[in-house]
Each structure stands twice: as structure tokens, then as C-alpha cells.
Protein backbone atom coordinates (compact mmCIF):
# COMPACT_ATOMS: atom_id res chain seq x y z
CA MET A 1 136.20 112.30 43.50
CA GLN A 2 134.77 115.74 42.74
CA VAL A 3 134.37 116.57 39.04
CA PHE A 4 134.01 120.24 38.08
CA ILE A 5 131.89 120.72 34.93
CA SER A 6 132.64 123.85 32.90
CA TYR A 7 130.21 124.84 30.14
CA ALA A 8 128.77 127.77 28.20
CA ARG A 9 125.23 128.75 29.19
CA GLU A 10 124.05 127.64 25.76
CA ASP A 11 125.27 124.11 26.59
CA TYR A 12 123.44 123.84 29.91
CA GLU A 13 121.25 120.90 28.86
CA ILE A 14 124.30 118.81 27.90
CA ALA A 15 126.08 119.77 31.13
CA GLU A 16 123.00 118.90 33.19
CA ARG A 17 122.75 115.48 31.53
CA LEU A 18 126.44 114.84 32.19
CA TYR A 19 125.98 115.96 35.81
CA GLY A 20 123.18 113.43 36.26
CA ASP A 21 125.08 110.59 34.61
CA LEU A 22 128.22 111.23 36.68
CA GLY A 23 126.19 111.50 39.87
CA GLN A 24 125.02 107.91 39.44
CA ARG A 25 128.56 106.55 39.56
CA ASP A 26 130.01 105.37 42.85
CA GLY A 27 132.56 107.73 44.31
CA VAL A 28 131.91 110.54 41.80
CA ARG A 29 130.55 113.93 42.92
CA PRO A 30 129.87 116.21 39.97
CA TRP A 31 129.96 119.97 40.61
CA MET A 32 128.41 122.67 38.47
CA ASP A 33 127.39 126.20 39.29
CA ARG A 34 123.61 125.98 38.84
CA LYS A 35 123.41 122.83 40.96
CA ASP A 36 126.00 123.32 43.68
CA ILE A 37 127.12 126.90 44.14
CA LEU A 38 126.06 128.49 47.40
CA ALA A 39 125.32 132.18 47.81
CA GLY A 40 128.64 133.98 48.07
CA GLN A 41 130.67 130.85 47.34
CA ASN A 42 133.85 131.29 45.34
CA TRP A 43 133.67 129.00 42.29
CA ARG A 44 137.45 129.19 42.00
CA LEU A 45 137.74 127.14 45.19
CA ALA A 46 135.48 124.48 43.67
CA ILE A 47 137.94 124.13 40.78
CA GLN A 48 140.88 123.89 43.16
CA LYS A 49 139.14 121.23 45.27
CA SER A 50 138.07 119.12 42.29
CA SER A 51 139.94 116.01 41.27
CA CYS A 52 138.92 116.38 37.64
CA PHE A 53 137.85 119.20 35.36
CA LEU A 54 135.49 118.52 32.46
CA ALA A 55 135.32 121.26 29.85
CA LEU A 56 132.41 121.02 27.44
CA HIS A 57 133.71 122.63 24.27
CA SER A 58 131.30 123.72 21.58
CA SER A 59 131.06 126.49 19.03
CA ASP A 60 129.32 128.53 21.72
CA SER A 61 131.97 128.01 24.39
CA VAL A 62 134.97 128.77 22.21
CA SER A 63 133.52 131.78 20.40
CA LYS A 64 132.87 133.97 23.41
CA ALA A 65 134.86 135.44 26.25
CA GLY A 66 133.77 134.81 29.80
CA TYR A 67 133.83 132.35 32.64
CA VAL A 68 134.41 129.26 30.48
CA GLN A 69 137.81 130.60 29.43
CA LYS A 70 138.65 131.71 32.97
CA GLU A 71 137.75 128.29 34.37
CA LEU A 72 139.78 126.51 31.71
CA ARG A 73 142.79 128.72 32.34
CA MET A 74 142.58 127.96 36.06
CA ALA A 75 142.30 124.23 35.42
CA LEU A 76 145.28 124.26 33.10
CA ASP A 77 147.24 126.13 35.73
CA LYS A 78 146.36 123.41 38.23
CA VAL A 79 147.22 120.61 35.79
CA MET A 80 143.85 118.91 35.94
CA PHE A 81 142.41 116.46 33.46
CA ILE A 82 140.32 117.97 30.69
CA PHE A 83 137.66 116.22 28.70
CA THR A 84 136.62 117.91 25.46
CA HIS A 85 133.05 117.31 24.37
CA PRO A 86 132.08 118.42 20.86
CA LYS A 87 128.60 119.83 20.44
């Protein structure tokens, strides 16, 4: 099961820790941009291919416009599971 991790840049350390923890579980393949994106790869396809979508919500992620909101909108459109993580 591929798990897409969405996060604000300010929350990278939390996302990286979650990535590592999930990667130790059998059958779980975490995916996040800084770890898994290839040059020229479309991150939108990674969301579409993922079984789950984890959105790390914090004061940083909800107070700014950018990719976090775009990723969340795409996930909601695809009816994926969302996990909200307070900072």
C-alpha cells in the first residue's frame, strides 16, 4: 500500500519521521517528495497511485497557499483517506 505524505516545508522533520516509521511496516510504502520524486516526475500521479493520503496539518500548513492545499484538494477529489496531525 502506497501512502502519500503531504506536508508544509516547515513540518519536514515530522513528515520525515512519519516516513521512516511507516516504511518499517510490512506492506506499507510511504511516498514524499524529498525522498521519492524523480526528476521530471509528476507528483499528481503519485497521489493518484497512492492507496492512502496523509495530510500533516499544522499552523504552517493551513496558513499559507501552495502545494499542500493543491495536494489536499486532489486527494479529496479522489476520495482518499486523510489523517490530520496537529503540530
